[in-house]
Amino acid sequence: MDVTFVVPVYNEVGTLLEVLHRLSALPLDKEIVVVDDGSTDGSRDLLRRIDDPAVRVLYHPGNRGKGASIRTGLSQARGRVIAVQDADLELDPREFLRLVPPVLAGNAAVVYGSRFLRPRSDLPLLPLLANRVLTLVTNLLHGASITDMETCYKVFRAEVVRSLDLRCLRFEFEPEVTSKVLRAGYRIREMPIAYRPRSAEAGKKIGWRDAVTAIVWLVRCRFWSPGRRDRFASREFTE
């Protein structure tokens, strides 16, 4: 198995099937591990009707957060390369046809799809500023030069991401995994991707409080590791 796509889902009934359709159509040796995080909008009903041997669906009994869902997906992934795909269409899964090959070929351990390597003017001001600040903090803490820490499109060699001892539950996944990748000495290769931002009214779930939390996690992961594990058990799910 070359690639595992981990897809965390929480209330994405409007876009979920199209995302899975586009992932399934990719000409890659792959599996798609979907983790439903206690959806209440009908997403679970859609997932129970999927008949695709490449798609495995796991269910959390209640809402735990994006980070918890990704950790569940990672615990069950069988691919040599692991990639993360949100269940919305802000990003196009076809971008993975450029992002995955460098990792599969052994030319990169980690590849991020950056939304800012091409000039653009369609991003909302506050999310843009938040991302710029978080990326700047990341670079200052680690002496790095990445352009998009908060991007969803992150591709890893499986052994790299499994070695990081992730503990996130919510949107801390992005700062935690980035900090731990850089702290472990891996270089993050960035490639440009297209991006179609959506509003909170359209289902955007991350907010300004998550930006504050991200800074805390960036500092926390740079200078020390948590002294105890959280209560989340990655195997508490049903198939």
Protein backbone atom coordinates (compact mmCIF):
# COMPACT_ATOMS: atom_id res chain seq x y z
CA MET A 1 0.00 0.00 0.00
CA ASP A 2 1.55 3.30 -1.10
CA VAL A 3 -0.69 5.99 0.39
CA THR A 4 -3.21 6.32 3.21
CA PHE A 5 -5.44 9.38 3.10
CA VAL A 6 -6.75 10.21 6.56
CA VAL A 7 -10.04 12.14 6.37
CA PRO A 8 -11.39 13.59 9.64
CA VAL A 9 -15.12 14.35 9.37
CA TYR A 10 -17.41 16.42 11.52
CA ASN A 11 -20.70 17.64 10.02
CA GLU A 12 -19.64 17.86 6.36
CA VAL A 13 -22.67 16.32 4.70
CA GLY A 14 -22.63 18.80 1.82
CA THR A 15 -19.12 18.03 0.55
CA LEU A 16 -18.15 14.67 2.04
CA LEU A 17 -19.13 12.41 -0.87
CA GLU A 18 -17.47 14.65 -3.47
CA VAL A 19 -14.23 14.68 -1.46
CA LEU A 20 -14.25 10.87 -1.25
CA HIS A 21 -15.12 10.60 -4.95
CA ARG A 22 -12.12 12.76 -5.89
CA LEU A 23 -9.79 10.83 -3.60
CA SER A 24 -11.03 7.49 -4.96
CA ALA A 25 -10.39 8.68 -8.52
CA LEU A 26 -6.70 9.42 -7.89
CA PRO A 27 -4.48 6.97 -9.82
CA LEU A 28 -2.55 5.91 -6.74
CA ASP A 29 -2.20 2.66 -4.79
CA LYS A 30 -4.19 3.90 -1.82
CA GLU A 31 -6.63 3.48 1.00
CA ILE A 32 -8.92 6.15 2.42
CA VAL A 33 -9.43 6.06 6.18
CA VAL A 34 -12.40 8.21 7.16
CA VAL A 35 -12.92 9.04 10.83
CA ASP A 36 -16.34 10.41 11.68
CA ASP A 37 -16.05 12.47 14.85
CA GLY A 38 -19.62 12.25 16.11
CA SER A 39 -21.35 14.01 13.21
CA THR A 40 -25.00 14.94 13.72
CA ASP A 41 -25.89 16.38 10.29
CA GLY A 42 -26.35 13.16 8.32
CA SER A 43 -22.68 12.58 7.47
CA ARG A 44 -22.78 9.24 9.31
CA ASP A 45 -25.74 8.06 7.27
CA LEU A 46 -23.84 8.84 4.07
CA LEU A 47 -20.75 7.02 5.29
CA ARG A 48 -22.71 3.89 6.20
CA ARG A 49 -23.91 3.65 2.60
CA ILE A 50 -20.46 3.83 1.00
CA ASP A 51 -19.56 0.71 -0.97
CA ASP A 52 -15.93 1.25 -1.96
CA PRO A 53 -13.24 -1.28 -1.00
CA ALA A 54 -10.65 1.51 -0.83
CA VAL A 55 -12.63 3.36 1.86
CA ARG A 56 -12.52 2.33 5.53
CA VAL A 57 -14.79 4.21 7.91
CA LEU A 58 -14.19 4.55 11.65
CA TYR A 59 -16.64 6.16 14.05
CA HIS A 60 -15.97 8.03 17.26
CA PRO A 61 -18.88 7.64 19.70
CA GLY A 62 -18.89 11.41 20.28
CA ASN A 63 -17.16 14.59 19.16
CA ARG A 64 -13.49 14.67 20.23
CA GLY A 65 -11.88 17.04 17.76
CA LYS A 66 -9.91 17.07 14.53
CA GLY A 67 -6.64 16.11 16.18
CA ALA A 68 -8.21 13.12 17.89
CA SER A 69 -9.71 12.00 14.58
CA ILE A 70 -6.39 12.26 12.77
CA ARG A 71 -4.70 10.28 15.53
CA THR A 72 -7.30 7.53 15.18
CA GLY A 73 -6.71 7.49 11.43
CA LEU A 74 -2.94 7.34 11.90
CA SER A 75 -3.29 4.39 14.26
CA GLN A 76 -5.04 2.38 11.53
CA ALA A 77 -3.14 3.58 8.45
CA ARG A 78 -1.34 0.95 6.36
CA GLY A 79 0.30 3.09 3.69
CA ARG A 80 4.00 3.91 3.34
CA VAL A 81 2.94 7.54 2.97
CA ILE A 82 0.23 9.27 4.99
CA ALA A 83 -1.65 12.38 3.86
CA VAL A 84 -4.39 14.43 5.53
CA GLN A 85 -7.52 15.58 3.68
CA ASP A 86 -10.30 17.63 5.26
CA ALA A 87 -13.86 16.69 4.34
CA ASP A 88 -14.60 20.07 2.74
CA LEU A 89 -13.56 21.37 -0.69
CA GLU A 90 -11.38 24.32 0.27
CA LEU A 91 -8.57 22.25 -1.25
CA ASP A 92 -8.76 19.95 -4.27
CA PRO A 93 -7.63 16.34 -3.67
CA ARG A 94 -6.13 16.26 -7.16
CA GLU A 95 -3.28 18.38 -5.77
CA PHE A 96 -1.98 15.19 -4.14
CA LEU A 97 -0.83 13.99 -7.54
CA ARG A 98 2.00 16.53 -7.15
CA LEU A 99 2.48 16.41 -3.38
CA VAL A 100 2.70 12.64 -2.83
CA PRO A 101 5.32 11.56 -5.44
CA PRO A 102 8.33 13.30 -3.79
CA VAL A 103 7.60 11.40 -0.56
CA LEU A 104 6.95 8.10 -2.31
CA ALA A 105 10.20 8.46 -4.24
CA GLY A 106 12.19 9.15 -1.08
CA ASN A 107 13.08 12.68 -2.15
CA ALA A 108 11.30 14.25 0.85
CA ALA A 109 10.21 13.07 4.29
CA VAL A 110 7.50 15.73 4.66
CA VAL A 111 5.70 17.81 2.04
CA TYR A 112 3.27 20.65 2.77
CA GLY A 113 0.93 22.18 0.21
CA SER A 114 1.27 25.94 0.64
CA ARG A 115 -1.56 28.34 -0.18
CA PHE A 116 0.84 31.29 -0.21
CA LEU A 117 3.54 30.36 -2.71
CA ARG A 118 1.43 32.00 -5.39
CA PRO A 119 0.20 35.62 -5.16
CA ARG A 120 -3.48 35.84 -4.16
CA SER A 121 -5.94 38.47 -2.98
CA ASP A 122 -9.07 36.46 -2.16
CA LEU A 123 -8.29 35.49 1.42
CA PRO A 124 -10.29 37.02 4.31
CA LEU A 125 -8.12 39.49 6.22
CA LEU A 126 -8.36 38.05 9.74
CA PRO A 127 -7.63 34.40 8.81
CA LEU A 128 -4.78 35.63 6.60
CA LEU A 129 -3.24 37.65 9.44
CA ALA A 130 -3.68 34.78 11.91
CA ASN A 131 -1.93 32.36 9.57
CA ARG A 132 0.89 34.82 8.91
CA VAL A 133 1.47 35.31 12.64
CA LEU A 134 1.37 31.57 13.40
CA THR A 135 3.74 30.77 10.55
CA LEU A 136 6.10 33.57 11.65
CA VAL A 137 6.12 32.24 15.23
CA THR A 138 6.87 28.75 13.90
CA ASN A 139 9.77 30.01 11.82
CA LEU A 140 11.23 32.08 14.68
CA LEU A 141 11.03 29.19 17.13
CA HIS A 142 12.62 26.67 14.80
CA GLY A 143 14.80 28.72 12.46
CA ALA A 144 12.63 27.53 9.59
CA SER A 145 11.34 29.28 6.48
CA ILE A 146 7.97 27.74 5.70
CA THR A 147 5.10 29.83 4.34
CA ASP A 148 1.97 28.00 5.49
CA MET A 149 2.04 26.21 8.84
CA GLU A 150 -1.76 25.89 9.03
CA THR A 151 -2.25 24.19 5.69
CA CYS A 152 -4.38 21.06 5.74
CA TYR A 153 -2.34 19.37 3.02
CA LYS A 154 0.45 17.64 4.89
CA VAL A 155 2.12 14.51 3.50
CA PHE A 156 4.50 12.35 5.56
CA ARG A 157 6.51 9.20 5.35
CA ALA A 158 4.57 6.95 7.69
CA GLU A 159 7.48 6.28 10.02
CA VAL A 160 8.10 10.02 10.40
CA VAL A 161 4.62 10.99 11.56
CA ARG A 162 4.31 7.89 13.77
CA SER A 163 7.53 8.81 15.58
CA LEU A 164 6.18 12.19 16.76
CA ASP A 165 4.07 11.05 19.75
CA LEU A 166 1.15 13.32 18.87
CA ARG A 167 -1.21 14.29 21.70
CA CYS A 168 -3.51 16.85 20.07
CA LEU A 169 -7.29 16.70 20.31
CA ARG A 170 -8.59 19.67 18.35
CA PHE A 171 -7.00 22.06 15.87
CA GLU A 172 -3.68 21.84 17.72
CA PHE A 173 -2.74 19.16 15.20
CA GLU A 174 -1.24 21.71 12.81
CA PRO A 175 1.15 23.45 15.26
CA GLU A 176 1.99 20.23 17.10
CA VAL A 177 2.88 18.15 14.08
CA THR A 178 4.81 21.01 12.47
CA SER A 179 6.77 21.79 15.62
CA LYS A 180 7.63 18.16 16.24
CA VAL A 181 8.66 17.56 12.62
CA LEU A 182 11.02 20.54 12.73
CA ARG A 183 12.29 19.72 16.22
CA ALA A 184 13.12 16.20 15.04
CA GLY A 185 15.32 17.69 12.32
CA TYR A 186 13.18 16.99 9.25
CA ARG A 187 13.00 19.56 6.49
CA ILE A 188 9.50 20.52 5.32
CA ARG A 189 9.32 20.81 1.55
CA GLU A 190 6.54 23.13 0.34
CA MET A 191 4.71 23.07 -2.99
CA PRO A 192 2.05 25.56 -4.17
CA ILE A 193 -1.62 24.55 -4.09
CA ALA A 194 -4.90 26.23 -5.01
CA TYR A 195 -7.29 27.24 -2.23
CA ARG A 196 -10.97 28.16 -2.09
CA PRO A 197 -11.66 29.65 1.37
CA ARG A 198 -15.07 29.25 2.96
CA SER A 199 -16.76 31.31 5.66
CA ALA A 200 -18.05 30.32 9.10
CA GLU A 201 -21.54 30.45 7.61
CA ALA A 202 -20.46 27.86 5.05
CA GLY A 203 -19.10 25.55 7.74
CA LYS A 204 -15.66 26.89 8.69
CA LYS A 205 -15.04 25.67 12.25
CA ILE A 206 -11.68 27.14 13.30
CA GLY A 207 -11.76 30.49 15.14
CA TRP A 208 -9.55 33.07 16.84
CA ARG A 209 -9.40 31.06 20.08
CA ASP A 210 -7.77 28.26 18.10
CA ALA A 211 -5.09 30.71 16.94
CA VAL A 212 -4.26 31.53 20.57
CA THR A 213 -4.16 27.83 21.40
CA ALA A 214 -1.87 27.25 18.42
CA ILE A 215 0.71 29.73 19.75
CA VAL A 216 0.64 28.00 23.13
CA TRP A 217 1.23 24.64 21.45
CA LEU A 218 4.03 26.01 19.26
CA VAL A 219 5.92 27.19 22.32
CA ARG A 220 5.05 24.07 24.31
CA CYS A 221 6.25 21.68 21.61
CA ARG A 222 9.41 23.67 20.92
CA PHE A 223 10.73 23.65 24.47
CA TRP A 224 9.22 20.66 26.22
CA SER A 225 6.88 17.72 25.84
CA PRO A 226 3.77 17.19 27.99
CA GLY A 227 4.54 15.22 31.12
CA ARG A 228 1.47 13.02 30.96
CA ARG A 229 -0.76 11.61 28.29
CA ASP A 230 -4.25 12.90 27.73
CA ARG A 231 -7.27 10.70 28.30
CA PHE A 232 -7.99 10.09 24.63
CA ALA A 233 -7.61 6.46 23.64
CA SER A 234 -7.06 6.17 19.91
CA ARG A 235 -8.69 2.75 19.74
CA GLU A 236 -12.05 3.93 21.10
CA PHE A 237 -13.96 3.78 17.83
CA THR A 238 -16.15 1.44 15.82
CA GLU A 239 -15.87 0.38 12.20
